[in-house]
Amino acid sequence: GKDREFVAAIGWTAGLIDYSDSVKGRFTISR
């Protein structure tokens, strides 16, 4: 019943990482 929401992303260039405020500090994205 809810819209799809962004959680985290990681770009090709090192250091380009983004987290939603709701998961920041709890979730970690890696590749």
PDB file of all heavy atoms in Angstrom:
ATOM      1  N   GLY A   1       0.772  -1.220   0.000  1.00  0.00           N
ATOM      2  CA  GLY A   1       0.000   0.000   0.000  1.00  0.00           C
ATOM      3  C   GLY A   1       0.809   1.279   0.000  1.00  0.00           C
ATOM      4  O   GLY A   1       0.234   2.366   0.089  1.00  0.00           O
ATOM      5  N   LYS A   2       2.122   1.166  -0.101  1.00  0.00           N
ATOM      6  CA  LYS A   2       2.975   2.336  -0.082  1.00  0.00           C
ATOM      7  C   LYS A   2       3.817   2.417  -1.349  1.00  0.00           C
ATOM      8  O   LYS A   2       3.995   1.431  -2.060  1.00  0.00           O
ATOM      9  CB  LYS A   2       3.898   2.319   1.140  1.00  0.00           C
ATOM     10  CG  LYS A   2       3.170   2.370   2.476  1.00  0.00           C
ATOM     11  CD  LYS A   2       4.148   2.424   3.640  1.00  0.00           C
ATOM     12  CE  LYS A   2       3.427   2.507   4.969  1.00  0.00           C
ATOM     13  NZ  LYS A   2       4.381   2.558   6.105  1.00  0.00           N
ATOM     14  N   ASP A   3       4.312   3.608  -1.629  1.00  0.00           N
ATOM     15  CA  ASP A   3       5.186   3.798  -2.775  1.00  0.00           C
ATOM     16  C   ASP A   3       6.555   3.188  -2.525  1.00  0.00           C
ATOM     17  O   ASP A   3       7.000   3.053  -1.383  1.00  0.00           O
ATOM     18  CB  ASP A   3       5.347   5.290  -3.083  1.00  0.00           C
ATOM     19  CG  ASP A   3       4.074   5.949  -3.565  1.00  0.00           C
ATOM     20  OD1 ASP A   3       3.210   5.253  -4.133  1.00  0.00           O
ATOM     21  OD2 ASP A   3       3.949   7.179  -3.383  1.00  0.00           O
ATOM     22  N   ARG A   4       7.217   2.833  -3.600  1.00  0.00           N
ATOM     23  CA  ARG A   4       8.585   2.380  -3.485  1.00  0.00           C
ATOM     24  C   ARG A   4       9.461   3.536  -3.014  1.00  0.00           C
ATOM     25  O   ARG A   4       9.323   4.664  -3.485  1.00  0.00           O
ATOM     26  CB  ARG A   4       9.078   1.847  -4.829  1.00  0.00           C
ATOM     27  CG  ARG A   4      10.482   1.281  -4.812  1.00  0.00           C
ATOM     28  CD  ARG A   4      10.831   0.656  -6.158  1.00  0.00           C
ATOM     29  NE  ARG A   4       9.969  -0.486  -6.455  1.00  0.00           N
ATOM     30  CZ  ARG A   4      10.059  -1.214  -7.567  1.00  0.00           C
ATOM     31  NH1 ARG A   4      10.967  -0.924  -8.481  1.00  0.00           N
ATOM     32  NH2 ARG A   4       9.229  -2.228  -7.753  1.00  0.00           N
ATOM     33  N   GLU A   5      10.354   3.252  -2.076  1.00  0.00           N
ATOM     34  CA  GLU A   5      11.193   4.298  -1.534  1.00  0.00           C
ATOM     35  C   GLU A   5      12.670   3.934  -1.638  1.00  0.00           C
ATOM     36  O   GLU A   5      13.058   2.769  -1.574  1.00  0.00           O
ATOM     37  CB  GLU A   5      10.829   4.607  -0.075  1.00  0.00           C
ATOM     38  CG  GLU A   5      11.094   3.469   0.895  1.00  0.00           C
ATOM     39  CD  GLU A   5      10.856   3.867   2.344  1.00  0.00           C
ATOM     40  OE1 GLU A   5      10.741   5.076   2.623  1.00  0.00           O
ATOM     41  OE2 GLU A   5      10.784   2.958   3.190  1.00  0.00           O
ATOM     42  N   PHE A   6      13.467   4.953  -1.763  1.00  0.00           N
ATOM     43  CA  PHE A   6      14.908   4.806  -1.830  1.00  0.00           C
ATOM     44  C   PHE A   6      15.471   4.375  -0.492  1.00  0.00           C
ATOM     45  O   PHE A   6      15.044   4.853   0.560  1.00  0.00           O
ATOM     46  CB  PHE A   6      15.530   6.141  -2.260  1.00  0.00           C
ATOM     47  CG  PHE A   6      17.018   6.204  -2.126  1.00  0.00           C
ATOM     48  CD1 PHE A   6      17.845   5.673  -3.097  1.00  0.00           C
ATOM     49  CD2 PHE A   6      17.596   6.814  -1.026  1.00  0.00           C
ATOM     50  CE1 PHE A   6      19.220   5.740  -2.982  1.00  0.00           C
ATOM     51  CE2 PHE A   6      18.970   6.890  -0.897  1.00  0.00           C
ATOM     52  CZ  PHE A   6      19.781   6.347  -1.886  1.00  0.00           C
ATOM     53  N   VAL A   7      16.442   3.469  -0.528  1.00  0.00           N
ATOM     54  CA  VAL A   7      17.122   3.023   0.682  1.00  0.00           C
ATOM     55  C   VAL A   7      18.591   3.434   0.660  1.00  0.00           C
ATOM     56  O   VAL A   7      19.073   4.115   1.567  1.00  0.00           O
ATOM     57  CB  VAL A   7      17.014   1.497   0.870  1.00  0.00           C
ATOM     58  CG1 VAL A   7      17.838   1.045   2.074  1.00  0.00           C
ATOM     59  CG2 VAL A   7      15.558   1.084   1.030  1.00  0.00           C
ATOM     60  N   ALA A   8      19.320   3.021  -0.371  1.00  0.00           N
ATOM     61  CA  ALA A   8      20.746   3.306  -0.443  1.00  0.00           C
ATOM     62  C   ALA A   8      21.228   3.148  -1.871  1.00  0.00           C
ATOM     63  O   ALA A   8      20.626   2.435  -2.672  1.00  0.00           O
ATOM     64  CB  ALA A   8      21.535   2.373   0.483  1.00  0.00           C
ATOM     65  N   ALA A   9      22.333   3.804  -2.194  1.00  0.00           N
ATOM     66  CA  ALA A   9      22.933   3.682  -3.514  1.00  0.00           C
ATOM     67  C   ALA A   9      24.441   3.813  -3.399  1.00  0.00           C
ATOM     68  O   ALA A   9      24.956   4.499  -2.504  1.00  0.00           O
ATOM     69  CB  ALA A   9      22.385   4.738  -4.474  1.00  0.00           C
ATOM     70  N   ILE A  10      25.136   3.161  -4.308  1.00  0.00           N
ATOM     71  CA  ILE A  10      26.585   3.264  -4.380  1.00  0.00           C
ATOM     72  C   ILE A  10      26.977   3.419  -5.835  1.00  0.00           C
ATOM     73  O   ILE A  10      26.545   2.651  -6.696  1.00  0.00           O
ATOM     74  CB  ILE A  10      27.269   2.044  -3.715  1.00  0.00           C
ATOM     75  CG1 ILE A  10      28.795   2.178  -3.762  1.00  0.00           C
ATOM     76  CG2 ILE A  10      26.805   0.735  -4.349  1.00  0.00           C
ATOM     77  CD1 ILE A  10      29.502   1.167  -2.862  1.00  0.00           C
ATOM     78  N   GLY A  11      27.769   4.429  -6.127  1.00  0.00           N
ATOM     79  CA  GLY A  11      28.180   4.713  -7.479  1.00  0.00           C
ATOM     80  C   GLY A  11      29.460   4.013  -7.861  1.00  0.00           C
ATOM     81  O   GLY A  11      30.077   3.296  -7.061  1.00  0.00           O
ATOM     82  N   TRP A  12      29.877   4.224  -9.107  1.00  0.00           N
ATOM     83  CA  TRP A  12      31.096   3.607  -9.597  1.00  0.00           C
ATOM     84  C   TRP A  12      32.331   4.228  -8.951  1.00  0.00           C
ATOM     85  O   TRP A  12      33.293   3.521  -8.653  1.00  0.00           O
ATOM     86  CB  TRP A  12      31.171   3.759 -11.123  1.00  0.00           C
ATOM     87  CG  TRP A  12      32.401   3.171 -11.723  1.00  0.00           C
ATOM     88  CD1 TRP A  12      32.678   1.855 -11.921  1.00  0.00           C
ATOM     89  CD2 TRP A  12      33.536   3.893 -12.217  1.00  0.00           C
ATOM     90  NE1 TRP A  12      33.914   1.706 -12.505  1.00  0.00           N
ATOM     91  CE2 TRP A  12      34.468   2.934 -12.705  1.00  0.00           C
ATOM     92  CE3 TRP A  12      33.862   5.249 -12.300  1.00  0.00           C
ATOM     93  CZ2 TRP A  12      35.690   3.306 -13.259  1.00  0.00           C
ATOM     94  CZ3 TRP A  12      35.080   5.621 -12.849  1.00  0.00           C
ATOM     95  CH2 TRP A  12      35.974   4.652 -13.324  1.00  0.00           C
ATOM     96  N   THR A  13      32.305   5.524  -8.743  1.00  0.00           N
ATOM     97  CA  THR A  13      33.425   6.217  -8.125  1.00  0.00           C
ATOM     98  C   THR A  13      33.405   6.012  -6.617  1.00  0.00           C
ATOM     99  O   THR A  13      32.364   6.148  -5.971  1.00  0.00           O
ATOM    100  CB  THR A  13      33.373   7.714  -8.451  1.00  0.00           C
ATOM    101  OG1 THR A  13      33.388   7.891  -9.869  1.00  0.00           O
ATOM    102  CG2 THR A  13      34.557   8.440  -7.842  1.00  0.00           C
ATOM    103  N   ALA A  14      34.540   5.670  -6.071  1.00  0.00           N
ATOM    104  CA  ALA A  14      34.650   5.472  -4.633  1.00  0.00           C
ATOM    105  C   ALA A  14      34.198   6.722  -3.898  1.00  0.00           C
ATOM    106  O   ALA A  14      34.542   7.840  -4.265  1.00  0.00           O
ATOM    107  CB  ALA A  14      36.085   5.125  -4.257  1.00  0.00           C
ATOM    108  N   GLY A  15      33.422   6.517  -2.848  1.00  0.00           N
ATOM    109  CA  GLY A  15      32.940   7.623  -2.056  1.00  0.00           C
ATOM    110  C   GLY A  15      31.557   8.108  -2.413  1.00  0.00           C
ATOM    111  O   GLY A  15      30.961   8.867  -1.642  1.00  0.00           O
ATOM    112  N   LEU A  16      31.035   7.688  -3.567  1.00  0.00           N
ATOM    113  CA  LEU A  16      29.683   8.083  -3.960  1.00  0.00           C
ATOM    114  C   LEU A  16      28.692   7.093  -3.355  1.00  0.00           C
ATOM    115  O   LEU A  16      28.354   6.087  -3.970  1.00  0.00           O
ATOM    116  CB  LEU A  16      29.553   8.148  -5.472  1.00  0.00           C
ATOM    117  CG  LEU A  16      30.260   9.308  -6.163  1.00  0.00           C
ATOM    118  CD1 LEU A  16      30.107   9.211  -7.671  1.00  0.00           C
ATOM    119  CD2 LEU A  16      29.729  10.635  -5.661  1.00  0.00           C
ATOM    120  N   ILE A  17      28.258   7.385  -2.164  1.00  0.00           N
ATOM    121  CA  ILE A  17      27.320   6.546  -1.430  1.00  0.00           C
ATOM    122  C   ILE A  17      26.251   7.436  -0.834  1.00  0.00           C
ATOM    123  O   ILE A  17      26.545   8.534  -0.345  1.00  0.00           O
ATOM    124  CB  ILE A  17      28.032   5.739  -0.323  1.00  0.00           C
ATOM    125  CG1 ILE A  17      29.053   4.780  -0.931  1.00  0.00           C
ATOM    126  CG2 ILE A  17      27.025   4.984   0.525  1.00  0.00           C
ATOM    127  CD1 ILE A  17      29.843   3.994   0.094  1.00  0.00           C
ATOM    128  N   ASP A  18      25.029   6.972  -0.859  1.00  0.00           N
ATOM    129  CA  ASP A  18      23.910   7.741  -0.344  1.00  0.00           C
ATOM    130  C   ASP A  18      22.982   6.808   0.430  1.00  0.00           C
ATOM    131  O   ASP A  18      22.732   5.687  -0.004  1.00  0.00           O
ATOM    132  CB  ASP A  18      23.162   8.413  -1.502  1.00  0.00           C
ATOM    133  CG  ASP A  18      22.138   9.437  -1.043  1.00  0.00           C
ATOM    134  OD1 ASP A  18      22.242   9.924   0.097  1.00  0.00           O
ATOM    135  OD2 ASP A  18      21.243   9.763  -1.845  1.00  0.00           O
ATOM    136  N   TYR A  19      22.476   7.279   1.564  1.00  0.00           N
ATOM    137  CA  TYR A  19      21.524   6.539   2.375  1.00  0.00           C
ATOM    138  C   TYR A  19      20.324   7.413   2.687  1.00  0.00           C
ATOM    139  O   TYR A  19      20.464   8.624   2.893  1.00  0.00           O
ATOM    140  CB  TYR A  19      22.132   6.096   3.707  1.00  0.00           C
ATOM    141  CG  TYR A  19      23.273   5.122   3.609  1.00  0.00           C
ATOM    142  CD1 TYR A  19      24.591   5.560   3.696  1.00  0.00           C
ATOM    143  CD2 TYR A  19      23.038   3.762   3.458  1.00  0.00           C
ATOM    144  CE1 TYR A  19      25.646   4.664   3.623  1.00  0.00           C
ATOM    145  CE2 TYR A  19      24.093   2.864   3.384  1.00  0.00           C
ATOM    146  CZ  TYR A  19      25.395   3.319   3.468  1.00  0.00           C
ATOM    147  OH  TYR A  19      26.432   2.430   3.402  1.00  0.00           O
ATOM    148  N   SER A  20      19.167   6.799   2.755  1.00  0.00           N
ATOM    149  CA  SER A  20      18.014   7.518   3.254  1.00  0.00           C
ATOM    150  C   SER A  20      18.194   7.777   4.746  1.00  0.00           C
ATOM    151  O   SER A  20      18.892   7.025   5.444  1.00  0.00           O
ATOM    152  CB  SER A  20      16.726   6.729   3.006  1.00  0.00           C
ATOM    153  OG  SER A  20      16.692   5.558   3.796  1.00  0.00           O
ATOM    154  N   ASP A  21      17.569   8.831   5.236  1.00  0.00           N
ATOM    155  CA  ASP A  21      17.716   9.168   6.649  1.00  0.00           C
ATOM    156  C   ASP A  21      17.193   8.054   7.558  1.00  0.00           C
ATOM    157  O   ASP A  21      17.705   7.861   8.664  1.00  0.00           O
ATOM    158  CB  ASP A  21      16.979  10.469   6.959  1.00  0.00           C
ATOM    159  CG  ASP A  21      17.655  11.686   6.355  1.00  0.00           C
ATOM    160  OD1 ASP A  21      18.852  11.607   6.021  1.00  0.00           O
ATOM    161  OD2 ASP A  21      16.982  12.728   6.222  1.00  0.00           O
ATOM    162  N   SER A  22      16.209   7.316   7.101  1.00  0.00           N
ATOM    163  CA  SER A  22      15.599   6.290   7.931  1.00  0.00           C
ATOM    164  C   SER A  22      16.511   5.094   8.193  1.00  0.00           C
ATOM    165  O   SER A  22      16.294   4.364   9.160  1.00  0.00           O
ATOM    166  CB  SER A  22      14.281   5.810   7.308  1.00  0.00           C
ATOM    167  OG  SER A  22      14.501   5.212   6.047  1.00  0.00           O
ATOM    168  N   VAL A  23      17.525   4.890   7.346  1.00  0.00           N
ATOM    169  CA  VAL A  23      18.407   3.740   7.518  1.00  0.00           C
ATOM    170  C   VAL A  23      19.842   4.134   7.817  1.00  0.00           C
ATOM    171  O   VAL A  23      20.660   3.262   8.149  1.00  0.00           O
ATOM    172  CB  VAL A  23      18.383   2.810   6.286  1.00  0.00           C
ATOM    173  CG1 VAL A  23      16.956   2.412   5.950  1.00  0.00           C
ATOM    174  CG2 VAL A  23      19.070   3.463   5.089  1.00  0.00           C
ATOM    175  N   LYS A  24      20.167   5.399   7.708  1.00  0.00           N
ATOM    176  CA  LYS A  24      21.538   5.851   7.929  1.00  0.00           C
ATOM    177  C   LYS A  24      22.007   5.457   9.326  1.00  0.00           C
ATOM    178  O   LYS A  24      21.310   5.662  10.317  1.00  0.00           O
ATOM    179  CB  LYS A  24      21.633   7.362   7.740  1.00  0.00           C
ATOM    180  CG  LYS A  24      23.058   7.911   7.764  1.00  0.00           C
ATOM    181  CD  LYS A  24      23.079   9.407   7.471  1.00  0.00           C
ATOM    182  CE  LYS A  24      22.568   9.713   6.074  1.00  0.00           C
ATOM    183  NZ  LYS A  24      22.653  11.170   5.758  1.00  0.00           N
ATOM    184  N   GLY A  25      23.192   4.871   9.390  1.00  0.00           N
ATOM    185  CA  GLY A  25      23.743   4.416  10.652  1.00  0.00           C
ATOM    186  C   GLY A  25      23.386   2.990  10.994  1.00  0.00           C
ATOM    187  O   GLY A  25      24.006   2.401  11.888  1.00  0.00           O
ATOM    188  N   ARG A  26      22.397   2.416  10.309  1.00  0.00           N
ATOM    189  CA  ARG A  26      21.976   1.042  10.562  1.00  0.00           C
ATOM    190  C   ARG A  26      22.269   0.116   9.383  1.00  0.00           C
ATOM    191  O   ARG A  26      22.562  -1.056   9.575  1.00  0.00           O
ATOM    192  CB  ARG A  26      20.483   0.977  10.879  1.00  0.00           C
ATOM    193  CG  ARG A  26      20.078   1.778  12.108  1.00  0.00           C
ATOM    194  CD  ARG A  26      18.615   1.521  12.479  1.00  0.00           C
ATOM    195  NE  ARG A  26      17.697   1.966  11.436  1.00  0.00           N
ATOM    196  CZ  ARG A  26      16.853   1.168  10.779  1.00  0.00           C
ATOM    197  NH1 ARG A  26      16.809  -0.137  11.068  1.00  0.00           N
ATOM    198  NH2 ARG A  26      16.046   1.664   9.858  1.00  0.00           N
ATOM    199  N   PHE A  27      22.156   0.643   8.173  1.00  0.00           N
ATOM    200  CA  PHE A  27      22.363  -0.142   6.960  1.00  0.00           C
ATOM    201  C   PHE A  27      23.673   0.260   6.299  1.00  0.00           C
ATOM    202  O   PHE A  27      24.084   1.427   6.355  1.00  0.00           O
ATOM    203  CB  PHE A  27      21.230   0.084   5.957  1.00  0.00           C
ATOM    204  CG  PHE A  27      19.887  -0.482   6.351  1.00  0.00           C
ATOM    205  CD1 PHE A  27      19.629  -0.914   7.638  1.00  0.00           C
ATOM    206  CD2 PHE A  27      18.879  -0.569   5.408  1.00  0.00           C
ATOM    207  CE1 PHE A  27      18.393  -1.428   7.997  1.00  0.00           C
ATOM    208  CE2 PHE A  27      17.634  -1.080   5.749  1.00  0.00           C
ATOM    209  CZ  PHE A  27      17.393  -1.506   7.039  1.00  0.00           C
ATOM    210  N   THR A  28      24.302  -0.696   5.633  1.00  0.00           N
ATOM    211  CA  THR A  28      25.529  -0.441   4.891  1.00  0.00           C
ATOM    212  C   THR A  28      25.434  -1.079   3.516  1.00  0.00           C
ATOM    213  O   THR A  28      25.162  -2.274   3.407  1.00  0.00           O
ATOM    214  CB  THR A  28      26.757  -0.998   5.630  1.00  0.00           C
ATOM    215  OG1 THR A  28      26.856  -0.417   6.930  1.00  0.00           O
ATOM    216  CG2 THR A  28      28.031  -0.678   4.848  1.00  0.00           C
ATOM    217  N   ILE A  29      25.654  -0.285   2.477  1.00  0.00           N
ATOM    218  CA  ILE A  29      25.672  -0.796   1.116  1.00  0.00           C
ATOM    219  C   ILE A  29      27.117  -0.989   0.677  1.00  0.00           C
ATOM    220  O   ILE A  29      27.990  -0.186   1.016  1.00  0.00           O
ATOM    221  CB  ILE A  29      24.919   0.143   0.145  1.00  0.00           C
ATOM    222  CG1 ILE A  29      24.805  -0.489  -1.242  1.00  0.00           C
ATOM    223  CG2 ILE A  29      25.580   1.515   0.081  1.00  0.00           C
ATOM    224  CD1 ILE A  29      23.900   0.294  -2.197  1.00  0.00           C
ATOM    225  N   SER A  30      27.374  -2.055  -0.056  1.00  0.00           N
ATOM    226  CA  SER A  30      28.705  -2.315  -0.573  1.00  0.00           C
ATOM    227  C   SER A  30      28.591  -3.045  -1.901  1.00  0.00           C
ATOM    228  O   SER A  30      27.527  -3.561  -2.251  1.00  0.00           O
ATOM    229  CB  SER A  30      29.544  -3.126   0.424  1.00  0.00           C
ATOM    230  OG  SER A  30      28.954  -4.384   0.684  1.00  0.00           O
ATOM    231  N   ARG A  31      29.681  -3.079  -2.633  1.00  0.00           N
ATOM    232  CA  ARG A  31      29.701  -3.760  -3.922  1.00  0.00           C
ATOM    233  C   ARG A  31      30.993  -4.533  -4.091  1.00  0.00           C
ATOM    234  O   ARG A  31      32.051  -4.122  -3.610  1.00  0.00           O
ATOM    235  CB  ARG A  31      29.518  -2.759  -5.074  1.00  0.00           C
ATOM    236  CG  ARG A  31      30.627  -1.717  -5.172  1.00  0.00           C
ATOM    237  CD  ARG A  31      30.284  -0.615  -6.178  1.00  0.00           C
ATOM    238  NE  ARG A  31      30.256  -1.094  -7.541  1.00  0.00           N
ATOM    239  CZ  ARG A  31      29.817  -0.382  -8.578  1.00  0.00           C
ATOM    240  NH1 ARG A  31      29.336   0.850  -8.383  1.00  0.00           N
ATOM    241  NH2 ARG A  31      29.830  -0.892  -9.806  1.00  0.00           N
TER     242      ARG A  31
END
